[in-house]
PDB file of N, CA and C in Angstrom:
ATOM      1  N   UNK A   1       0.857  -1.172   0.000  1.00  0.00           N
ATOM      2  CA  UNK A   1       0.000   0.000   0.000  1.00  0.00           C
ATOM      3  C   UNK A   1       0.899   1.229   0.000  1.00  0.00           C
ATOM      4  N   UNK A   2       0.513   2.213  -0.733  1.00  0.00           N
ATOM      5  CA  UNK A   2       1.305   3.430  -0.879  1.00  0.00           C
ATOM      6  C   UNK A   2       1.296   4.223   0.428  1.00  0.00           C
ATOM      7  N   UNK A   3       2.417   4.845   0.756  1.00  0.00           N
ATOM      8  CA  UNK A   3       2.561   5.563   2.022  1.00  0.00           C
ATOM      9  C   UNK A   3       1.536   6.655   2.237  1.00  0.00           C
ATOM     10  N   UNK A   4       1.194   7.404   1.174  1.00  0.00           N
ATOM     11  CA  UNK A   4       0.226   8.487   1.346  1.00  0.00           C
ATOM     12  C   UNK A   4      -1.163   7.942   1.656  1.00  0.00           C
ATOM     13  N   UNK A   5      -1.484   6.751   1.124  1.00  0.00           N
ATOM     14  CA  UNK A   5      -2.776   6.130   1.430  1.00  0.00           C
ATOM     15  C   UNK A   5      -2.854   5.759   2.907  1.00  0.00           C
ATOM     16  N   UNK A   6      -1.740   5.292   3.433  1.00  0.00           N
ATOM     17  CA  UNK A   6      -1.705   4.918   4.846  1.00  0.00           C
ATOM     18  C   UNK A   6      -1.902   6.150   5.717  1.00  0.00           C
ATOM     19  N   UNK A   7      -1.243   7.247   5.358  1.00  0.00           N
ATOM     20  CA  UNK A   7      -1.386   8.470   6.143  1.00  0.00           C
ATOM     21  C   UNK A   7      -2.821   8.980   6.103  1.00  0.00           C
ATOM     22  N   UNK A   8      -3.459   8.915   4.927  1.00  0.00           N
ATOM     23  CA  UNK A   8      -4.856   9.335   4.826  1.00  0.00           C
ATOM     24  C   UNK A   8      -5.745   8.443   5.678  1.00  0.00           C
ATOM     25  N   UNK A   9      -5.503   7.139   5.629  1.00  0.00           N
ATOM     26  CA  UNK A   9      -6.307   6.216   6.425  1.00  0.00           C
ATOM     27  C   UNK A   9      -6.140   6.507   7.908  1.00  0.00           C
ATOM     28  N   UNK A  10      -4.918   6.810   8.340  1.00  0.00           N
ATOM     29  CA  UNK A  10      -4.691   7.107   9.749  1.00  0.00           C
ATOM     30  C   UNK A  10      -5.390   8.393  10.165  1.00  0.00           C
ATOM     31  N   UNK A  11      -5.526   9.334   9.239  1.00  0.00           N
ATOM     32  CA  UNK A  11      -6.213  10.586   9.556  1.00  0.00           C
ATOM     33  C   UNK A  11      -7.712  10.388   9.699  1.00  0.00           C
ATOM     34  N   UNK A  12      -8.298   9.570   8.810  1.00  0.00           N
ATOM     35  CA  UNK A  12      -9.746   9.483   8.746  1.00  0.00           C
ATOM     36  C   UNK A  12     -10.348   8.302   9.490  1.00  0.00           C
ATOM     37  N   UNK A  13      -9.568   7.255   9.738  1.00  0.00           N
ATOM     38  CA  UNK A  13     -10.110   6.116  10.461  1.00  0.00           C
ATOM     39  C   UNK A  13      -9.989   6.365  11.958  1.00  0.00           C
ATOM     40  N   UNK A  14     -11.034   6.036  12.700  1.00  0.00           N
ATOM     41  CA  UNK A  14     -10.947   6.251  14.146  1.00  0.00           C
ATOM     42  C   UNK A  14      -9.952   5.284  14.769  1.00  0.00           C
ATOM     43  N   UNK A  15      -9.236   5.782  15.755  1.00  0.00           N
ATOM     44  CA  UNK A  15      -8.347   4.900  16.504  1.00  0.00           C
ATOM     45  C   UNK A  15      -9.207   4.139  17.493  1.00  0.00           C
ATOM     46  N   UNK A  16      -8.814   2.936  17.764  1.00  0.00           N
ATOM     47  CA  UNK A  16      -9.592   2.126  18.687  1.00  0.00           C
ATOM     48  C   UNK A  16      -8.849   2.000  20.003  1.00  0.00           C
ATOM     49  N   UNK A  17      -9.580   1.680  21.000  1.00  0.00           N
ATOM     50  CA  UNK A  17      -8.972   1.523  22.313  1.00  0.00           C
ATOM     51  C   UNK A  17      -9.804   0.578  23.151  1.00  0.00           C
ATOM     52  N   UNK A  18      -9.321   0.286  24.323  1.00  0.00           N
ATOM     53  CA  UNK A  18     -10.043  -0.607  25.217  1.00  0.00           C
ATOM     54  C   UNK A  18     -10.050  -0.027  26.623  1.00  0.00           C
ATOM     55  N   UNK A  19     -11.110  -0.312  27.330  1.00  0.00           N
ATOM     56  CA  UNK A  19     -11.195   0.073  28.738  1.00  0.00           C
ATOM     57  C   UNK A  19     -10.744  -1.126  29.547  1.00  0.00           C
ATOM     58  N   UNK A  20      -9.843  -0.900  30.462  1.00  0.00           N
ATOM     59  CA  UNK A  20      -9.366  -2.001  31.296  1.00  0.00           C
ATOM     60  C   UNK A  20      -9.484  -1.626  32.760  1.00  0.00           C
ATOM     61  N   UNK A  21      -9.558  -2.628  33.566  1.00  0.00           N
ATOM     62  CA  UNK A  21      -9.628  -2.426  35.009  1.00  0.00           C
ATOM     63  C   UNK A  21      -8.330  -2.930  35.624  1.00  0.00           C
ATOM     64  N   UNK A  22      -7.708  -2.094  36.433  1.00  0.00           N
ATOM     65  CA  UNK A  22      -6.466  -2.466  37.106  1.00  0.00           C
ATOM     66  C   UNK A  22      -6.747  -2.564  38.596  1.00  0.00           C
ATOM     67  N   UNK A  23      -6.292  -3.623  39.195  1.00  0.00           N
ATOM     68  CA  UNK A  23      -6.473  -3.764  40.633  1.00  0.00           C
ATOM     69  C   UNK A  23      -5.120  -4.086  41.251  1.00  0.00           C
ATOM     70  N   UNK A  24      -4.683  -3.196  42.107  1.00  0.00           N
ATOM     71  CA  UNK A  24      -3.428  -3.425  42.821  1.00  0.00           C
ATOM     72  C   UNK A  24      -3.768  -4.035  44.170  1.00  0.00           C
ATOM     73  N   UNK A  25      -2.841  -4.773  44.700  1.00  0.00           N
ATOM     74  CA  UNK A  25      -3.108  -5.429  45.983  1.00  0.00           C
ATOM     75  C   UNK A  25      -3.370  -4.373  47.063  1.00  0.00           C
ATOM     76  N   UNK A  26      -4.490  -4.501  47.728  1.00  0.00           N
ATOM     77  CA  UNK A  26      -4.837  -3.585  48.797  1.00  0.00           C
ATOM     78  C   UNK A  26      -5.352  -2.236  48.327  1.00  0.00           C
ATOM     79  N   UNK A  27      -5.455  -2.017  47.052  1.00  0.00           N
ATOM     80  CA  UNK A  27      -5.920  -0.724  46.538  1.00  0.00           C
ATOM     81  C   UNK A  27      -7.227  -0.923  45.780  1.00  0.00           C
ATOM     82  N   UNK A  28      -7.932   0.163  45.628  1.00  0.00           N
ATOM     83  CA  UNK A  28      -9.158   0.104  44.840  1.00  0.00           C
ATOM     84  C   UNK A  28      -8.818  -0.142  43.376  1.00  0.00           C
ATOM     85  N   UNK A  29      -9.771  -0.720  42.679  1.00  0.00           N
ATOM     86  CA  UNK A  29      -9.525  -0.938  41.251  1.00  0.00           C
ATOM     87  C   UNK A  29      -9.727   0.382  40.516  1.00  0.00           C
ATOM     88  N   UNK A  30      -8.938   0.585  39.518  1.00  0.00           N
ATOM     89  CA  UNK A  30      -9.084   1.787  38.704  1.00  0.00           C
ATOM     90  C   UNK A  30      -9.347   1.364  37.265  1.00  0.00           C
ATOM     91  N   UNK A  31     -10.085   2.174  36.577  1.00  0.00           N
ATOM     92  CA  UNK A  31     -10.404   1.888  35.184  1.00  0.00           C
ATOM     93  C   UNK A  31      -9.650   2.878  34.323  1.00  0.00           C
ATOM     94  N   UNK A  32      -8.997   2.370  33.308  1.00  0.00           N
ATOM     95  CA  UNK A  32      -8.197   3.230  32.437  1.00  0.00           C
ATOM     96  C   UNK A  32      -8.502   2.915  30.983  1.00  0.00           C
ATOM     97  N   UNK A  33      -8.345   3.902  30.150  1.00  0.00           N
ATOM     98  CA  UNK A  33      -8.543   3.741  28.715  1.00  0.00           C
ATOM     99  C   UNK A  33      -7.176   3.641  28.061  1.00  0.00           C
ATOM    100  N   UNK A  34      -6.953   2.563  27.340  1.00  0.00           N
ATOM    101  CA  UNK A  34      -5.681   2.360  26.651  1.00  0.00           C
ATOM    102  C   UNK A  34      -5.929   2.414  25.155  1.00  0.00           C
ATOM    103  N   UNK A  35      -5.262   3.335  24.500  1.00  0.00           N
ATOM    104  CA  UNK A  35      -5.417   3.459  23.055  1.00  0.00           C
ATOM    105  C   UNK A  35      -4.545   2.427  22.366  1.00  0.00           C
ATOM    106  N   UNK A  36      -5.148   1.711  21.442  1.00  0.00           N
ATOM    107  CA  UNK A  36      -4.389   0.731  20.682  1.00  0.00           C
ATOM    108  C   UNK A  36      -3.580   1.441  19.613  1.00  0.00           C
ATOM    109  N   UNK A  37      -2.581   0.774  19.134  1.00  0.00           N
ATOM    110  CA  UNK A  37      -1.785   1.354  18.060  1.00  0.00           C
ATOM    111  C   UNK A  37      -2.605   1.366  16.776  1.00  0.00           C
ATOM    112  N   UNK A  38      -2.342   2.312  15.877  1.00  0.00           N
ATOM    113  CA  UNK A  38      -3.066   2.336  14.605  1.00  0.00           C
ATOM    114  C   UNK A  38      -2.840   1.036  13.838  1.00  0.00           C
ATOM    115  N   UNK A  39      -3.785   0.719  12.972  1.00  0.00           N
ATOM    116  CA  UNK A  39      -3.681  -0.507  12.197  1.00  0.00           C
ATOM    117  C   UNK A  39      -2.446  -0.499  11.311  1.00  0.00           C
ATOM    118  N   UNK A  40      -1.829  -1.646  11.194  1.00  0.00           N
ATOM    119  CA  UNK A  40      -0.696  -1.720  10.290  1.00  0.00           C
ATOM    120  C   UNK A  40      -1.213  -1.853   8.854  1.00  0.00           C
ATOM    121  N   UNK A  41      -0.395  -1.574   7.869  1.00  0.00           N
ATOM    122  CA  UNK A  41      -0.842  -1.587   6.470  1.00  0.00           C
ATOM    123  C   UNK A  41      -1.427  -2.923   6.027  1.00  0.00           C
ATOM    124  N   UNK A  42      -0.879  -4.028   6.522  1.00  0.00           N
ATOM    125  CA  UNK A  42      -1.399  -5.336   6.129  1.00  0.00           C
ATOM    126  C   UNK A  42      -2.830  -5.511   6.623  1.00  0.00           C
ATOM    127  N   UNK A  43      -3.079  -5.194   7.900  1.00  0.00           N
ATOM    128  CA  UNK A  43      -4.433  -5.313   8.447  1.00  0.00           C
ATOM    129  C   UNK A  43      -5.403  -4.400   7.715  1.00  0.00           C
ATOM    130  N   UNK A  44      -4.969  -3.200   7.433  1.00  0.00           N
ATOM    131  CA  UNK A  44      -5.812  -2.248   6.716  1.00  0.00           C
ATOM    132  C   UNK A  44      -6.172  -2.777   5.332  1.00  0.00           C
ATOM    133  N   UNK A  45      -5.189  -3.352   4.650  1.00  0.00           N
ATOM    134  CA  UNK A  45      -5.429  -3.908   3.317  1.00  0.00           C
ATOM    135  C   UNK A  45      -6.380  -5.091   3.383  1.00  0.00           C
ATOM    136  N   UNK A  46      -6.193  -5.973   4.347  1.00  0.00           N
ATOM    137  CA  UNK A  46      -7.070  -7.138   4.474  1.00  0.00           C
ATOM    138  C   UNK A  46      -8.504  -6.719   4.792  1.00  0.00           C
ATOM    139  N   UNK A  47      -8.663  -5.707   5.624  1.00  0.00           N
ATOM    140  CA  UNK A  47     -10.011  -5.227   5.931  1.00  0.00           C
ATOM    141  C   UNK A  47     -10.652  -4.574   4.711  1.00  0.00           C
ATOM    142  N   UNK A  48      -9.850  -3.890   3.911  1.00  0.00           N
ATOM    143  CA  UNK A  48     -10.372  -3.267   2.695  1.00  0.00           C
ATOM    144  C   UNK A  48     -10.860  -4.345   1.726  1.00  0.00           C
ATOM    145  N   UNK A  49     -10.076  -5.419   1.564  1.00  0.00           N
ATOM    146  CA  UNK A  49     -10.499  -6.509   0.686  1.00  0.00           C
ATOM    147  C   UNK A  49     -11.769  -7.170   1.209  1.00  0.00           C
ATOM    148  N   UNK A  50     -11.884  -7.306   2.517  1.00  0.00           N
ATOM    149  CA  UNK A  50     -13.080  -7.883   3.113  1.00  0.00           C
ATOM    150  C   UNK A  50     -14.298  -7.002   2.837  1.00  0.00           C
ATOM    151  N   UNK A  51     -14.124  -5.692   2.964  1.00  0.00           N
ATOM    152  CA  UNK A  51     -15.198  -4.740   2.658  1.00  0.00           C
ATOM    153  C   UNK A  51     -15.632  -4.874   1.205  1.00  0.00           C
ATOM    154  N   UNK A  52     -14.660  -4.895   0.284  1.00  0.00           N
ATOM    155  CA  UNK A  52     -14.970  -4.978  -1.146  1.00  0.00           C
ATOM    156  C   UNK A  52     -15.675  -6.294  -1.494  1.00  0.00           C
ATOM    157  N   UNK A  53     -15.220  -7.401  -0.885  1.00  0.00           N
ATOM    158  CA  UNK A  53     -15.814  -8.707  -1.154  1.00  0.00           C
ATOM    159  C   UNK A  53     -17.252  -8.748  -0.632  1.00  0.00           C
ATOM    160  N   UNK A  54     -17.462  -8.260   0.588  1.00  0.00           N
ATOM    161  CA  UNK A  54     -18.806  -8.245   1.174  1.00  0.00           C
ATOM    162  C   UNK A  54     -19.752  -7.408   0.330  1.00  0.00           C
ATOM    163  N   UNK A  55     -19.293  -6.236  -0.071  1.00  0.00           N
ATOM    164  CA  UNK A  55     -20.120  -5.341  -0.882  1.00  0.00           C
ATOM    165  C   UNK A  55     -20.472  -5.984  -2.224  1.00  0.00           C
ATOM    166  N   UNK A  56     -19.503  -6.607  -2.874  1.00  0.00           N
ATOM    167  CA  UNK A  56     -19.745  -7.249  -4.171  1.00  0.00           C
ATOM    168  C   UNK A  56     -20.733  -8.405  -4.032  1.00  0.00           C
ATOM    169  N   UNK A  57     -20.583  -9.206  -2.980  1.00  0.00           N
ATOM    170  CA  UNK A  57     -21.488 -10.333  -2.786  1.00  0.00           C
ATOM    171  C   UNK A  57     -22.913  -9.866  -2.527  1.00  0.00           C
ATOM    172  N   UNK A  58     -23.077  -8.825  -1.728  1.00  0.00           N
ATOM    173  CA  UNK A  58     -24.422  -8.314  -1.455  1.00  0.00           C
ATOM    174  C   UNK A  58     -25.038  -7.661  -2.686  1.00  0.00           C
ATOM    175  N   UNK A  59     -24.231  -6.993  -3.489  1.00  0.00           N
ATOM    176  CA  UNK A  59     -24.754  -6.352  -4.698  1.00  0.00           C
ATOM    177  C   UNK A  59     -25.204  -7.377  -5.736  1.00  0.00           C
ATOM    178  N   UNK A  60     -24.689  -8.601  -5.659  1.00  0.00           N
ATOM    179  CA  UNK A  60     -25.089  -9.648  -6.597  1.00  0.00           C
ATOM    180  C   UNK A  60     -26.420 -10.294  -6.220  1.00  0.00           C
ATOM    181  N   UNK A  61     -26.918 -10.006  -5.028  1.00  0.00           N
ATOM    182  CA  UNK A  61     -28.198 -10.562  -4.600  1.00  0.00           C
ATOM    183  C   UNK A  61     -29.346  -9.714  -5.128  1.00  0.00           C
ATOM    184  N   UNK A  62     -30.453 -10.374  -5.402  1.00  0.00           N
ATOM    185  CA  UNK A  62     -31.647  -9.644  -5.839  1.00  0.00           C
ATOM    186  C   UNK A  62     -32.307  -8.984  -4.632  1.00  0.00           C
ATOM    187  N   UNK A  63     -33.246  -8.087  -4.900  1.00  0.00           N
ATOM    188  CA  UNK A  63     -33.964  -7.408  -3.818  1.00  0.00           C
ATOM    189  C   UNK A  63     -34.722  -8.424  -2.964  1.00  0.00           C
ATOM    190  N   UNK A  64     -35.249  -9.463  -3.607  1.00  0.00           N
ATOM    191  CA  UNK A  64     -35.978 -10.502  -2.880  1.00  0.00           C
ATOM    192  C   UNK A  64     -35.037 -11.297  -1.962  1.00  0.00           C
ATOM    193  N   UNK A  65     -33.853 -11.618  -2.461  1.00  0.00           N
ATOM    194  CA  UNK A  65     -32.879 -12.345  -1.637  1.00  0.00           C
ATOM    195  C   UNK A  65     -32.402 -11.486  -0.469  1.00  0.00           C
ATOM    196  N   UNK A  66     -32.206 -10.198  -0.717  1.00  0.00           N
ATOM    197  CA  UNK A  66     -31.822  -9.290   0.366  1.00  0.00           C
ATOM    198  C   UNK A  66     -32.920  -9.215   1.419  1.00  0.00           C
ATOM    199  N   UNK A  67     -34.166  -9.187   0.955  1.00  0.00           N
ATOM    200  CA  UNK A  67     -35.298  -9.138   1.883  1.00  0.00           C
ATOM    201  C   UNK A  67     -35.332 -10.392   2.758  1.00  0.00           C
ATOM    202  N   UNK A  68     -34.975 -11.539   2.172  1.00  0.00           N
ATOM    203  CA  UNK A  68     -34.955 -12.796   2.930  1.00  0.00           C
ATOM    204  C   UNK A  68     -33.968 -12.756   4.094  1.00  0.00           C
ATOM    205  N   UNK A  69     -32.890 -12.017   3.938  1.00  0.00           N
ATOM    206  CA  UNK A  69     -31.904 -11.929   5.024  1.00  0.00           C
ATOM    207  C   UNK A  69     -32.077 -10.652   5.847  1.00  0.00           C
ATOM    208  N   UNK A  70     -33.182  -9.948   5.613  1.00  0.00           N
ATOM    209  CA  UNK A  70     -33.515  -8.785   6.434  1.00  0.00           C
ATOM    210  C   UNK A  70     -32.834  -7.498   6.026  1.00  0.00           C
ATOM    211  N   UNK A  71     -32.462  -7.376   4.757  1.00  0.00           N
ATOM    212  CA  UNK A  71     -31.799  -6.165   4.276  1.00  0.00           C
ATOM    213  C   UNK A  71     -32.563  -5.545   3.121  1.00  0.00           C
ATOM    214  N   UNK A  72     -32.322  -4.277   2.938  1.00  0.00           N
ATOM    215  CA  UNK A  72     -32.809  -3.553   1.771  1.00  0.00           C
ATOM    216  C   UNK A  72     -31.605  -3.238   0.894  1.00  0.00           C
ATOM    217  N   UNK A  73     -31.818  -3.000  -0.393  1.00  0.00           N
ATOM    218  CA  UNK A  73     -30.678  -2.627  -1.244  1.00  0.00           C
ATOM    219  C   UNK A  73     -29.923  -1.405  -0.724  1.00  0.00           C
ATOM    220  N   UNK A  74     -30.619  -0.508  -0.052  1.00  0.00           N
ATOM    221  CA  UNK A  74     -29.957   0.685   0.492  1.00  0.00           C
ATOM    222  C   UNK A  74     -29.079   0.373   1.707  1.00  0.00           C
ATOM    223  N   UNK A  75     -29.212  -0.823   2.278  1.00  0.00           N
ATOM    224  CA  UNK A  75     -28.415  -1.218   3.444  1.00  0.00           C
ATOM    225  C   UNK A  75     -27.040  -1.772   3.078  1.00  0.00           C
ATOM    226  N   UNK A  76     -26.793  -2.027   1.806  1.00  0.00           N
ATOM    227  CA  UNK A  76     -25.566  -2.708   1.387  1.00  0.00           C
ATOM    228  C   UNK A  76     -24.316  -1.965   1.836  1.00  0.00           C
ATOM    229  N   UNK A  77     -24.257  -0.664   1.612  1.00  0.00           N
ATOM    230  CA  UNK A  77     -23.054   0.085   1.986  1.00  0.00           C
ATOM    231  C   UNK A  77     -22.831   0.092   3.493  1.00  0.00           C
ATOM    232  N   UNK A  78     -23.908   0.216   4.262  1.00  0.00           N
ATOM    233  CA  UNK A  78     -23.790   0.231   5.724  1.00  0.00           C
ATOM    234  C   UNK A  78     -23.295  -1.116   6.244  1.00  0.00           C
ATOM    235  N   UNK A  79     -23.856  -2.187   5.731  1.00  0.00           N
ATOM    236  CA  UNK A  79     -23.460  -3.523   6.171  1.00  0.00           C
ATOM    237  C   UNK A  79     -22.029  -3.829   5.731  1.00  0.00           C
ATOM    238  N   UNK A  80     -21.680  -3.424   4.532  1.00  0.00           N
ATOM    239  CA  UNK A  80     -20.321  -3.662   4.030  1.00  0.00           C
ATOM    240  C   UNK A  80     -19.293  -2.910   4.853  1.00  0.00           C
ATOM    241  N   UNK A  81     -19.651  -1.731   5.312  1.00  0.00           N
ATOM    242  CA  UNK A  81     -18.712  -0.923   6.095  1.00  0.00           C
ATOM    243  C   UNK A  81     -18.342  -1.605   7.406  1.00  0.00           C
ATOM    244  N   UNK A  82     -19.218  -2.462   7.927  1.00  0.00           N
ATOM    245  CA  UNK A  82     -18.901  -3.190   9.160  1.00  0.00           C
ATOM    246  C   UNK A  82     -17.688  -4.095   8.967  1.00  0.00           C
ATOM    247  N   UNK A  83     -17.515  -4.608   7.754  1.00  0.00           N
ATOM    248  CA  UNK A  83     -16.371  -5.483   7.482  1.00  0.00           C
ATOM    249  C   UNK A  83     -15.065  -4.706   7.526  1.00  0.00           C
ATOM    250  N   UNK A  84     -15.143  -3.394   7.393  1.00  0.00           N
ATOM    251  CA  UNK A  84     -13.941  -2.566   7.361  1.00  0.00           C
ATOM    252  C   UNK A  84     -13.525  -2.105   8.750  1.00  0.00           C
ATOM    253  N   UNK A  85     -14.346  -2.345   9.746  1.00  0.00           N
ATOM    254  CA  UNK A  85     -14.015  -1.895  11.103  1.00  0.00           C
ATOM    255  C   UNK A  85     -13.021  -2.796  11.763  1.00  0.00           C
TER     256      UNK A  85
END
């Protein structure tokens, strides 16, 4: 992946983090937010391919088939975007 694409992705993609609870012996537990490192280029590329594959597969379904799985044609982009998270 080209370096400028990675920089753009880092600017526009939200950083993820986790809330953790720390408990020291004899002390109250504290909750802290730890920011994860930004995605590496390989992970970003794999998620992009997953997004593209999901979107293509859903676009190949008819409106009736989409209805059977509880989706509308307008839901395709929203559902596909979940694969990119």
